[in-house]
Each structure stands twice: as structure tokens, then as C-alpha cells.
């Protein structure tokens, strides 16, 4: 981390500390439960826990160019974890009576609001300073290609990100993209670049050479290794796919896994622990709801309460997925008709259960059983898998991990009926993106958003 990032992180942390303490002590002196020592300990503890959780959730990394809503969600989650940790500590130490409930509730609500507002204002201040040329990074691009031009224009159109493109380096000036020369300076050959890098003239160097120039790129990277300038790669489509792959070692030889499970052994273990802990907690909390729905299904229609349907699980193995029955039929064969809006097969409460996703709640038993995960690609009927695997490239790759009750595709709007190939293709794209980008934080984010969107999704029926 360079000095610029350290200074911005220091500003963020200082503002966060002041807000956490300010919201706690603002109203506490005016309550009947005021205990200065207890509130000081609570405030200092909150600062320490929030700082540690903040490091885990990346709220103190550089957020230049990244959406504010994502940062706001991370801040909210970090504060909730901090607050719940403090409540647990107070419960264990039997000190809850030392604090006013009104103050604690106000602290819980006001703190994330002010933290997010402060981040928004700091973003505006930093963006204004970058537009004025303060704290900008001077970067160069190697390879006057369409890929490099596209990147340069994106940086040029977003000056608030703090990047200034000084120009391009390339050995073959007569064979480059002409549009590059019309807008940007040609700074010289690769030899000139190496000299400039060794002299520390640029803050960052971006390589935009095509994959066909592998030999030239390897030689250039070797020469640039004799400098302290950060070197970054602008990948083309082929290279992007390779970067999403992972390396393993077999017989002391590195092997690139093009199509393989995205989870290492430790990640798979973490995700399984997450499923067991959260699944057990959620099942305990929703058990009265499960009993109520089961009774309602039984009293409003003939047939079993639960409907078990064959789906593809991890590695393409068939599993039996549990749901509350929402239709008068129990289709589970080679020809399964997807549910549509106003479907005549719905039971009296079936459409409501599907719209609110309450019919999926029994799948938490699948989670504890180990055949499903809380978060993952939604399992489709076997008949639909056989239909789409032949027309959508990469469709079956989504089965390299356990299917989930909710997923990245669902919270991004690709839920419900997939009556066109385009809709299914978009769902698969988000499923594969989830597999590439998986993290514990991403799972928590999806679960958090699912709770709030379950009752408002217009695509659910």
C-alpha cells in the first residue's frame, strides 16, 4: 500500500472513530442510566471491533471507481457485526443494565447513517481534488491497441478516479491503431519505456499487448522487473478467461484448471461451516413459520405437504430438492412445465408461497443434509437442464458447486420463469460470475439482500 492509500485510509478511520463516539455520547449524558466509565469502554471497544471487521470487509481499501452502494452495504454489515458483538459481550459480562436502551437503539441506527453520509461527502471532496489534478496518478499504456485505447478513454471520461494517461509506448508505430495517435502521445519504444520505468517517471504502467505478442510481452516484463514501478495487465477476452482459472500443482508441475471447481479445500470447508451455522440458526428461527405453512397447505388442497423434485446437484449428481407443494400437480419427469404468472395449477395459497419464496424454506433441510448450500446457483428441473445444456455454452459449469436456495442471479433480477433463452443465458452468466468472485462476504451480502427483496421481486410467481 502506497502513501496515498495510507493517507486516505487514515482519514477514513479517523472520521469513523469520531462518528462512532459522537453518536454514542450525544444523548447518553441526558439519560438516567448514564455511566461514564461504561460508555467509554463501550465506545473504545466499538472502535477496535469495527476497525478489525472493517479490515475484513475491505471498507478501508481504495474505493475509487467502485459503487457507493456496495461500500454502504459493507459499512452497514460491519457496524451490525460490531454492535451485535458488543451486545453479546455485555450479556456475558452481565453489564447490560448499565446502558440505556434508548441510547443503544439510537446508536445502532444513527451510526451507519452518518458513516455512509461521511463516505459520500469524502468521495465528493476527493473527486473534486482529483479533477483539479491533486493526488492524481500519471500512467502510461504499453501497446497502441483498441484495448488500450478503450481503457484510456474510460480513464479520461472519469477524471474523479484520479488517473492521467500521459501516452502510449510501442515499438511498431506504423502498425498501431490510428485513432490512438490522433488522441494520445507516442512516448517512444519499449527501450524508452524501460529507461523511464527505471527512473521512476510513471506511477503505473498498463500493458495492453495482444495475446499473440506473448514473446514480446515476456521479454518486456523481464526487462521491467528491474524497476520499482507497478506493472498491470489489461487482459483481452482470452486472457480474462485464463485469469479466472486457478493453478494447482501435480507432480511438481503447475497445472492451469480451465474448467474446475472454483473452491479450494479451505474455501469449501468455510462455506460448509457457514451453511451449517447459518442454516441451523435460520431453521430454528423459522420453525413456527414452517409449521404454519405446512398446516395451511394441508388444509387448502389435497396432496402431500412437501414436494420433492429431482435436480442436478454438485458435479451433476441427481438430488431430491424439498419444497412446499404449491400446485395441484407434482411434475418430476422428462417434461416439466415451468410456472407462469396466474398459472391454473396453483393451489389456493400456492401463488403467494412462490411469490414470497416461502415454498423454498424446506430446502434448509437440504442445506443441513449437505446436498445444497444457502447461496449458489438455483437448481433447475432435470428436464430443463437437458434442454439448456445443449444451447447455452458453459451451462453445466454451474454444477461444479452445490446449488443454492438463493443466488447472485436471483438478487440481480434473474429470478422466476425463464421463458426465453436470453433470460436463462443471463442467469447462467451471473451464476458463473458468482463462482469466480466467491467470498464469505459475497455470500453474506446475497443473504442480506435476499431478505429484503423476497417480498418485492416482480419476477417471482
Protein backbone atom coordinates (compact mmCIF):
# COMPACT_ATOMS: atom_id res chain seq x y z
CA UNK A 1 0.00 0.00 0.00
CA UNK A 2 1.44 3.36 -1.07
CA UNK A 3 1.49 6.59 0.91
CA UNK A 4 -1.59 7.95 -0.89
CA UNK A 5 -3.68 4.98 0.18
CA UNK A 6 -2.31 5.17 3.70
CA UNK A 7 -3.30 8.84 3.98
CA UNK A 8 -6.84 8.20 2.67
CA UNK A 9 -7.26 5.22 4.99
CA UNK A 10 -6.13 7.36 7.91
CA UNK A 11 -8.76 9.96 7.03
CA UNK A 12 -11.48 7.31 6.78
CA UNK A 13 -10.54 5.67 10.06
CA UNK A 14 -10.33 8.99 11.90
CA UNK A 15 -13.77 10.08 10.66
CA UNK A 16 -15.27 6.69 11.57
CA UNK A 17 -13.87 6.87 15.09
CA UNK A 18 -15.27 10.36 15.62
CA UNK A 19 -18.72 9.36 14.34
CA UNK A 20 -18.91 6.20 16.48
CA UNK A 21 -18.01 8.14 19.62
CA UNK A 22 -20.15 11.16 18.73
CA UNK A 23 -23.35 9.13 18.21
CA UNK A 24 -22.80 7.24 21.46
CA UNK A 25 -22.09 10.20 23.71
CA UNK A 26 -24.51 12.68 22.11
CA UNK A 27 -27.56 11.65 24.13
CA UNK A 28 -26.17 9.42 26.86
CA UNK A 29 -25.48 12.19 29.46
CA UNK A 30 -29.20 13.07 29.44
CA UNK A 31 -30.43 9.62 30.46
CA UNK A 32 -30.98 8.10 33.89
CA UNK A 33 -28.60 5.26 33.04
CA UNK A 34 -25.51 7.39 32.47
CA UNK A 35 -22.34 5.58 33.45
CA UNK A 36 -19.34 7.40 32.00
CA UNK A 37 -16.89 4.55 32.52
CA UNK A 38 -19.23 2.01 30.91
CA UNK A 39 -19.88 4.20 27.87
CA UNK A 40 -16.16 4.90 27.42
CA UNK A 41 -15.41 1.18 27.46
CA UNK A 42 -18.27 0.52 25.01
CA UNK A 43 -17.07 3.27 22.66
CA UNK A 44 -13.43 2.14 22.67
CA UNK A 45 -14.50 -1.48 22.19
CA UNK A 46 -16.67 -0.48 19.25
CA UNK A 47 -13.74 1.34 17.65
CA UNK A 48 -11.48 -1.70 17.96
CA UNK A 49 -14.08 -4.22 16.72
CA UNK A 50 -15.26 -2.01 13.86
CA UNK A 51 -11.66 -1.44 12.78
CA UNK A 52 -10.97 -5.19 12.71
CA UNK A 53 -14.23 -6.04 10.94
CA UNK A 54 -13.64 -3.15 8.56
CA UNK A 55 -10.34 -4.65 7.51
CA UNK A 56 -12.10 -7.96 6.86
CA UNK A 57 -14.88 -6.33 4.79
CA UNK A 58 -12.45 -4.09 2.83
CA UNK A 59 -14.09 -0.79 3.78
CA UNK A 60 -10.67 0.82 4.16
CA UNK A 61 -9.27 -0.17 0.77
CA UNK A 62 -9.29 2.27 -2.13
CA UNK A 63 -12.87 2.68 -3.35
CA UNK A 64 -12.05 4.97 -6.26
CA UNK A 65 -14.28 3.91 -9.15
CA UNK A 66 -16.32 1.43 -7.14
CA UNK A 67 -20.07 1.94 -6.42
CA UNK A 68 -21.10 3.75 -3.25
CA UNK A 69 -24.00 1.33 -2.63
CA UNK A 70 -21.57 -1.57 -2.29
CA UNK A 71 -19.42 0.38 0.14
CA UNK A 72 -22.53 1.45 2.07
CA UNK A 73 -23.68 -2.16 2.38
CA UNK A 74 -20.27 -3.24 3.67
CA UNK A 75 -20.24 -0.42 6.23
CA UNK A 76 -23.73 -1.39 7.42
CA UNK A 77 -22.78 -5.04 7.77
CA UNK A 78 -19.55 -4.14 9.59
CA UNK A 79 -21.47 -1.98 12.06
CA UNK A 80 -24.15 -4.63 12.66
CA UNK A 81 -21.45 -7.21 13.41
CA UNK A 82 -19.75 -4.72 15.75
CA UNK A 83 -22.96 -3.84 17.59
CA UNK A 84 -24.09 -7.46 17.98
CA UNK A 85 -20.62 -8.35 19.29
CA UNK A 86 -20.88 -5.64 21.92
CA UNK A 87 -24.37 -6.79 22.94
CA UNK A 88 -23.07 -10.35 23.30
CA UNK A 89 -20.13 -9.16 25.43
CA UNK A 90 -22.46 -7.10 27.64
CA UNK A 91 -24.78 -10.10 28.02
CA UNK A 92 -21.94 -12.43 29.01
CA UNK A 93 -20.45 -9.92 31.46
CA UNK A 94 -23.92 -9.06 32.86
CA UNK A 95 -23.46 -5.33 32.28
CA UNK A 96 -26.47 -4.65 30.04
CA UNK A 97 -28.25 -2.79 32.86
CA UNK A 98 -25.54 -0.10 32.77
CA UNK A 99 -26.76 1.22 29.42
CA UNK A 100 -29.90 3.00 28.31
CA UNK A 101 -31.91 1.05 25.73
CA UNK A 102 -32.86 4.31 24.02
CA UNK A 103 -29.22 5.32 23.65
CA UNK A 104 -28.23 1.91 22.31
CA UNK A 105 -31.02 1.84 19.71
CA UNK A 106 -30.18 5.40 18.63
CA UNK A 107 -26.50 4.41 18.41
CA UNK A 108 -27.40 1.35 16.32
CA UNK A 109 -29.42 3.35 13.80
CA UNK A 110 -27.60 6.68 13.63
CA UNK A 111 -24.04 5.38 13.32
CA UNK A 112 -24.29 3.63 9.92
CA UNK A 113 -26.34 6.51 8.52
CA UNK A 114 -23.66 9.04 9.48
CA UNK A 115 -20.82 6.73 8.39
CA UNK A 116 -22.33 6.35 4.92
CA UNK A 117 -23.07 10.09 4.68
CA UNK A 118 -19.46 10.84 5.65
CA UNK A 119 -18.14 8.45 2.97
CA UNK A 120 -20.34 10.12 0.37
CA UNK A 121 -19.03 13.58 1.32
CA UNK A 122 -15.41 12.38 1.39
CA UNK A 123 -15.88 10.82 -2.04
CA UNK A 124 -17.12 14.15 -3.39
CA UNK A 125 -14.18 16.00 -1.83
CA UNK A 126 -11.59 13.52 -3.15
CA UNK A 127 -13.20 13.51 -6.61
CA UNK A 128 -13.12 17.32 -6.75
CA UNK A 129 -9.46 17.35 -5.75
CA UNK A 130 -8.63 14.76 -8.45
CA UNK A 131 -10.42 16.81 -11.09
CA UNK A 132 -8.16 19.69 -10.05
CA UNK A 133 -5.16 17.43 -10.54
CA UNK A 134 -4.45 16.85 -6.85
CA UNK A 135 -3.28 13.36 -5.85
CA UNK A 136 -3.54 12.04 -9.44
CA UNK A 137 -1.53 9.11 -10.77
CA UNK A 138 0.36 9.54 -14.05
CA UNK A 139 0.03 6.30 -16.00
CA UNK A 140 1.17 5.05 -19.40
CA UNK A 141 -0.12 2.28 -21.65
CA UNK A 142 2.09 -0.19 -23.48
CA UNK A 143 0.71 -1.25 -26.87
CA UNK A 144 -1.30 1.14 -29.02
CA UNK A 145 -4.22 -1.24 -29.44
CA UNK A 146 -8.01 -0.97 -29.38
CA UNK A 147 -7.95 -2.50 -25.93
CA UNK A 148 -5.53 0.16 -24.69
CA UNK A 149 -7.48 2.96 -26.36
CA UNK A 150 -10.71 1.83 -24.71
CA UNK A 151 -9.05 1.86 -21.29
CA UNK A 152 -7.50 5.30 -21.87
CA UNK A 153 -10.84 6.79 -22.88
CA UNK A 154 -12.58 5.33 -19.83
CA UNK A 155 -9.99 6.97 -17.55
CA UNK A 156 -10.25 10.22 -19.50
CA UNK A 157 -14.04 10.30 -19.10
CA UNK A 158 -13.83 9.68 -15.34
CA UNK A 159 -11.29 12.22 -14.00
CA UNK A 160 -12.62 11.72 -10.46
CA UNK A 161 -10.82 8.36 -10.40
CA UNK A 162 -7.51 10.21 -10.31
CA UNK A 163 -5.70 8.74 -13.34
CA UNK A 164 -3.98 10.81 -16.04
CA UNK A 165 -2.89 8.96 -19.19
CA UNK A 166 0.42 10.50 -20.28
CA UNK A 167 0.59 8.48 -23.51
CA UNK A 168 1.48 5.18 -25.17
CA UNK A 169 4.64 3.19 -25.75
CA UNK A 170 5.00 0.86 -28.73
CA UNK A 171 7.84 -0.41 -30.94
CA UNK A 172 5.75 -0.60 -34.12
CA UNK A 173 4.34 2.85 -34.66
CA UNK A 174 3.41 2.21 -38.29
CA UNK A 175 1.14 -0.75 -37.43
CA UNK A 176 -0.82 0.63 -34.49
CA UNK A 177 -4.40 1.76 -34.14
CA UNK A 178 -4.52 5.16 -35.91
CA UNK A 179 -7.17 6.52 -33.54
CA UNK A 180 -4.67 6.21 -30.69
CA UNK A 181 -2.17 8.51 -32.40
CA UNK A 182 -4.91 11.08 -33.05
CA UNK A 183 -5.70 11.45 -29.34
CA UNK A 184 -2.60 10.47 -27.35
CA UNK A 185 1.15 10.96 -27.48
CA UNK A 186 3.50 8.25 -28.68
CA UNK A 187 6.14 8.36 -25.93
CA UNK A 188 8.66 6.04 -27.58
CA UNK A 189 9.71 2.44 -27.95
CA UNK A 190 9.92 -0.34 -25.37
CA UNK A 191 13.56 0.59 -24.74
CA UNK A 192 12.43 4.12 -23.87
CA UNK A 193 9.79 2.66 -21.55
CA UNK A 194 12.34 0.55 -19.69
CA UNK A 195 14.55 3.58 -19.09
CA UNK A 196 11.57 5.65 -17.89
CA UNK A 197 10.45 2.85 -15.56
CA UNK A 198 13.89 2.55 -14.02
CA UNK A 199 13.94 6.31 -13.47
CA UNK A 200 10.52 6.16 -11.79
CA UNK A 201 8.89 8.61 -14.22
CA UNK A 202 5.43 6.99 -14.09
CA UNK A 203 3.18 5.95 -11.21
CA UNK A 204 1.78 2.89 -13.02
CA UNK A 205 2.33 1.04 -16.30
CA UNK A 206 -0.51 -0.80 -18.06
CA UNK A 207 0.31 -3.42 -20.69
CA UNK A 208 -2.30 -3.75 -23.47
CA UNK A 209 -0.44 -6.06 -25.86
CA UNK A 210 -2.49 -8.78 -27.61
CA UNK A 211 -2.08 -12.42 -26.60
CA UNK A 212 -0.32 -13.12 -29.92
CA UNK A 213 2.57 -10.91 -28.76
CA UNK A 214 3.45 -13.35 -25.99
CA UNK A 215 7.20 -13.43 -26.70
CA UNK A 216 7.46 -9.63 -26.82
CA UNK A 217 5.41 -9.35 -23.64
CA UNK A 218 7.56 -11.87 -21.73
CA UNK A 219 10.77 -10.07 -22.73
CA UNK A 220 9.29 -6.71 -21.79
CA UNK A 221 8.11 -7.99 -18.40
CA UNK A 222 11.54 -9.41 -17.73
CA UNK A 223 13.17 -6.06 -18.55
CA UNK A 224 10.63 -4.12 -16.46
CA UNK A 225 11.31 -6.31 -13.44
CA UNK A 226 14.41 -4.19 -12.89
CA UNK A 227 12.28 -1.25 -11.69
CA UNK A 228 10.00 -0.39 -8.78
CA UNK A 229 7.09 0.84 -10.92
CA UNK A 230 3.81 -1.10 -10.55
CA UNK A 231 3.05 -3.08 -13.73
CA UNK A 232 -0.53 -4.04 -14.58
CA UNK A 233 -2.11 -6.05 -17.39
CA UNK A 234 -5.13 -5.08 -19.50
CA UNK A 235 -6.38 -8.54 -20.49
CA UNK A 236 -8.19 -9.34 -23.71
CA UNK A 237 -11.11 -11.78 -23.78
CA UNK A 238 -8.94 -14.89 -23.93
CA UNK A 239 -6.62 -13.73 -21.15
CA UNK A 240 -9.60 -12.73 -19.00
CA UNK A 241 -10.89 -16.28 -19.10
CA UNK A 242 -7.47 -17.63 -18.13
CA UNK A 243 -7.20 -15.21 -15.22
CA UNK A 244 -10.47 -16.57 -13.86
CA UNK A 245 -8.88 -20.02 -13.74
CA UNK A 246 -6.75 -21.35 -10.91
CA UNK A 247 -3.40 -23.12 -10.65
CA UNK A 248 -2.75 -26.41 -8.93
CA UNK A 249 0.44 -28.43 -8.68
CA UNK A 250 0.66 -32.05 -9.81
CA UNK A 251 3.96 -33.94 -9.60
CA UNK A 252 5.80 -30.62 -9.04
CA UNK A 253 4.28 -29.19 -12.26
CA UNK A 254 1.93 -26.18 -12.33
CA UNK A 255 -1.40 -27.02 -13.99
CA UNK A 256 -3.97 -24.44 -15.10
CA UNK A 257 -7.56 -25.50 -14.35
CA UNK A 258 -9.76 -24.10 -17.13
CA UNK A 259 -12.98 -25.82 -16.05
CA UNK A 260 -12.85 -26.93 -12.43
CA UNK A 261 -14.42 -26.32 -9.03
CA UNK A 262 -13.77 -22.69 -8.02
CA UNK A 263 -13.35 -23.65 -4.37
CA UNK A 264 -10.10 -24.70 -2.79
CA UNK A 265 -10.30 -27.18 0.08
CA UNK A 266 -10.20 -24.44 2.73
CA UNK A 267 -12.84 -22.34 0.94
CA UNK A 268 -15.12 -25.37 0.61
CA UNK A 269 -14.68 -26.01 4.34
CA UNK A 270 -15.51 -22.39 5.20
CA UNK A 271 -18.62 -22.46 3.03
CA UNK A 272 -19.78 -25.72 4.63
CA UNK A 273 -19.32 -24.28 8.14
CA UNK A 274 -21.25 -21.19 7.00
CA UNK A 275 -24.10 -23.41 5.77
CA UNK A 276 -24.27 -25.46 8.96
CA UNK A 277 -24.16 -22.48 11.34
CA UNK A 278 -26.48 -20.13 9.44
CA UNK A 279 -28.74 -22.97 8.33
CA UNK A 280 -29.22 -24.17 11.92
CA UNK A 281 -29.90 -20.65 13.19
CA UNK A 282 -32.36 -19.86 10.40
CA UNK A 283 -34.20 -23.17 10.76
CA UNK A 284 -34.62 -22.57 14.48
CA UNK A 285 -35.99 -19.08 13.85
CA UNK A 286 -38.41 -20.08 11.08
CA UNK A 287 -39.68 -23.33 12.62
CA UNK A 288 -43.03 -21.73 13.65
CA UNK A 289 -43.42 -20.42 10.09
CA UNK A 290 -42.70 -23.87 8.65
CA UNK A 291 -45.38 -25.44 10.85
CA UNK A 292 -47.89 -22.74 9.92
CA UNK A 293 -47.28 -23.10 6.18
CA UNK A 294 -47.43 -26.91 6.41
CA UNK A 295 -50.81 -26.68 8.13
CA UNK A 296 -52.10 -24.16 5.56
CA UNK A 297 -51.01 -26.35 2.62
CA UNK A 298 -52.69 -29.39 4.16
CA UNK A 299 -55.98 -27.62 4.85
CA UNK A 300 -56.32 -25.81 1.50
CA UNK A 301 -55.58 -28.59 -1.00
CA UNK A 302 -55.37 -32.33 -1.42
CA UNK A 303 -51.97 -33.96 -1.64
CA UNK A 304 -48.68 -34.05 0.25
CA UNK A 305 -47.39 -31.03 2.15
CA UNK A 306 -43.88 -31.34 0.73
CA UNK A 307 -43.00 -31.77 -2.92
CA UNK A 308 -39.69 -33.47 -3.78
CA UNK A 309 -38.29 -32.90 -7.25
CA UNK A 310 -35.16 -34.31 -8.90
CA UNK A 311 -32.50 -31.70 -9.64
CA UNK A 312 -28.85 -31.71 -10.59
CA UNK A 313 -26.56 -31.13 -7.62
CA UNK A 314 -22.80 -30.70 -7.38
CA UNK A 315 -20.86 -32.45 -10.16
CA UNK A 316 -24.13 -33.19 -11.95
CA UNK A 317 -25.28 -35.77 -9.39
CA UNK A 318 -29.05 -36.02 -9.02
CA UNK A 319 -30.50 -34.82 -5.71
CA UNK A 320 -34.01 -34.55 -4.30
CA UNK A 321 -34.94 -30.94 -3.50
CA UNK A 322 -37.67 -30.23 -0.92
CA UNK A 323 -40.34 -27.57 -1.36
CA UNK A 324 -43.78 -26.84 -0.01
CA UNK A 325 -46.29 -28.02 -2.60
CA UNK A 326 -47.78 -25.03 -4.44
CA UNK A 327 -49.55 -26.78 -7.32
CA UNK A 328 -52.21 -29.39 -7.81
CA UNK A 329 -49.69 -31.50 -9.77
CA UNK A 330 -46.28 -32.90 -8.78
CA UNK A 331 -44.37 -32.98 -12.07
CA UNK A 332 -40.96 -34.62 -11.93
CA UNK A 333 -40.17 -36.28 -15.24
CA UNK A 334 -38.79 -35.65 -18.69
CA UNK A 335 -41.32 -32.90 -19.39
CA UNK A 336 -41.72 -30.29 -16.65
CA UNK A 337 -43.68 -27.14 -17.47
CA UNK A 338 -42.33 -24.00 -15.77
CA UNK A 339 -44.68 -21.99 -13.58
CA UNK A 340 -46.17 -18.91 -15.24
CA UNK A 341 -47.97 -15.84 -13.93
CA UNK A 342 -51.51 -16.80 -12.95
CA UNK A 343 -50.81 -20.49 -13.56
CA UNK A 344 -54.05 -22.53 -13.36
CA UNK A 345 -52.19 -25.30 -11.50
CA UNK A 346 -51.66 -23.18 -8.38
CA UNK A 347 -53.32 -24.17 -5.13
CA UNK A 348 -55.24 -21.56 -3.15
CA UNK A 349 -52.07 -20.36 -1.40
CA UNK A 350 -49.57 -21.65 -3.96
CA UNK A 351 -49.05 -18.41 -5.86
CA UNK A 352 -48.48 -16.47 -2.64
CA UNK A 353 -45.93 -19.04 -1.42
CA UNK A 354 -44.00 -18.90 -4.68
CA UNK A 355 -44.14 -15.10 -4.97
CA UNK A 356 -42.69 -14.70 -1.47
CA UNK A 357 -40.29 -17.67 -1.86
CA UNK A 358 -41.79 -19.24 1.26
CA UNK A 359 -42.17 -22.50 -0.68
CA UNK A 360 -38.35 -22.77 -0.75
CA UNK A 361 -37.92 -22.78 3.06
CA UNK A 362 -37.78 -26.61 3.41
CA UNK A 363 -34.58 -26.51 1.37
CA UNK A 364 -32.75 -25.52 4.53
CA UNK A 365 -33.05 -29.23 5.38
CA UNK A 366 -31.25 -29.91 2.08
CA UNK A 367 -28.56 -27.47 3.27
CA UNK A 368 -28.01 -29.31 6.57
CA UNK A 369 -28.11 -32.60 4.65
CA UNK A 370 -25.24 -31.34 2.51
CA UNK A 371 -26.88 -31.57 -0.91
CA UNK A 372 -27.44 -27.81 -1.18
CA UNK A 373 -25.92 -24.55 0.05
CA UNK A 374 -27.68 -21.43 1.27
CA UNK A 375 -26.10 -19.44 -1.59
CA UNK A 376 -25.34 -20.87 -5.00
CA UNK A 377 -26.82 -21.33 -8.49
CA UNK A 378 -30.52 -22.18 -8.27
CA UNK A 379 -31.18 -25.85 -9.14
CA UNK A 380 -33.32 -26.37 -12.23
CA UNK A 381 -35.52 -29.32 -13.02
CA UNK A 382 -33.59 -32.12 -14.75
CA UNK A 383 -35.71 -31.70 -17.89
CA UNK A 384 -34.73 -28.01 -18.11
CA UNK A 385 -31.06 -28.83 -17.61
CA UNK A 386 -31.13 -31.25 -20.53
CA UNK A 387 -32.87 -28.61 -22.65
CA UNK A 388 -30.46 -25.74 -21.99
CA UNK A 389 -27.13 -27.54 -21.72
CA UNK A 390 -27.08 -28.03 -25.49
CA UNK A 391 -27.85 -24.42 -26.42
CA UNK A 392 -26.07 -22.29 -23.77
CA UNK A 393 -22.24 -22.59 -23.67
CA UNK A 394 -20.94 -23.18 -20.15
CA UNK A 395 -24.39 -24.04 -18.77
CA UNK A 396 -23.23 -27.17 -16.93
CA UNK A 397 -20.29 -25.34 -15.31
CA UNK A 398 -22.75 -24.01 -12.74
CA UNK A 399 -22.97 -27.55 -11.37
CA UNK A 400 -19.36 -27.54 -10.19
CA UNK A 401 -20.61 -26.22 -6.84
CA UNK A 402 -23.66 -27.03 -4.73
CA UNK A 403 -26.93 -25.42 -5.81
CA UNK A 404 -28.33 -22.76 -3.50
CA UNK A 405 -31.60 -21.56 -2.01
CA UNK A 406 -30.75 -18.08 -3.27
CA UNK A 407 -28.04 -16.80 -5.57
CA UNK A 408 -26.28 -13.92 -7.26
CA UNK A 409 -28.55 -14.18 -10.32
CA UNK A 410 -31.71 -14.01 -8.22
CA UNK A 411 -30.85 -10.80 -6.35
CA UNK A 412 -29.86 -9.19 -9.66
CA UNK A 413 -33.32 -9.68 -11.13
CA UNK A 414 -32.96 -13.01 -12.96
CA UNK A 415 -35.48 -14.92 -10.91
CA UNK A 416 -38.70 -16.65 -11.88
CA UNK A 417 -39.75 -18.00 -15.24
CA UNK A 418 -37.04 -18.34 -17.91
CA UNK A 419 -39.31 -18.41 -20.94
CA UNK A 420 -36.56 -17.28 -23.33
CA UNK A 421 -33.03 -18.48 -23.96
CA UNK A 422 -31.81 -14.91 -23.25
CA UNK A 423 -33.19 -15.00 -19.69
CA UNK A 424 -31.57 -18.32 -18.98
CA UNK A 425 -28.28 -17.15 -20.51
CA UNK A 426 -28.26 -14.10 -18.22
CA UNK A 427 -28.96 -16.29 -15.21
CA UNK A 428 -26.05 -18.55 -16.15
CA UNK A 429 -23.76 -15.52 -16.62
CA UNK A 430 -24.46 -14.32 -13.07
CA UNK A 431 -24.07 -17.86 -11.69
CA UNK A 432 -20.62 -18.19 -13.29
CA UNK A 433 -19.67 -14.70 -12.08
CA UNK A 434 -20.60 -15.75 -8.53
CA UNK A 435 -18.39 -18.83 -8.82
CA UNK A 436 -15.45 -16.72 -9.98
CA UNK A 437 -15.87 -13.98 -7.38
CA UNK A 438 -16.93 -16.09 -4.40
CA UNK A 439 -16.11 -14.90 -0.90
CA UNK A 440 -17.70 -15.24 2.51
CA UNK A 441 -18.57 -11.56 2.30
CA UNK A 442 -20.37 -12.08 -1.04
CA UNK A 443 -22.48 -14.86 0.49
CA UNK A 444 -23.47 -12.63 3.43
CA UNK A 445 -24.32 -9.82 1.02
CA UNK A 446 -26.57 -12.09 -1.07
CA UNK A 447 -28.36 -13.42 2.03
CA UNK A 448 -28.84 -9.88 3.35
CA UNK A 449 -30.31 -8.62 0.05
CA UNK A 450 -32.48 -11.72 -0.38
CA UNK A 451 -34.29 -10.98 2.88
CA UNK A 452 -35.30 -7.52 1.67
CA UNK A 453 -36.14 -8.47 -1.92
CA UNK A 454 -38.07 -11.68 -1.33
CA UNK A 455 -41.41 -9.86 -0.99
CA UNK A 456 -40.86 -7.25 -3.73
CA UNK A 457 -39.48 -9.22 -6.68
CA UNK A 458 -41.81 -8.68 -9.66
CA UNK A 459 -40.35 -11.74 -11.41
CA UNK A 460 -41.43 -14.13 -8.68
CA UNK A 461 -44.56 -16.19 -9.39
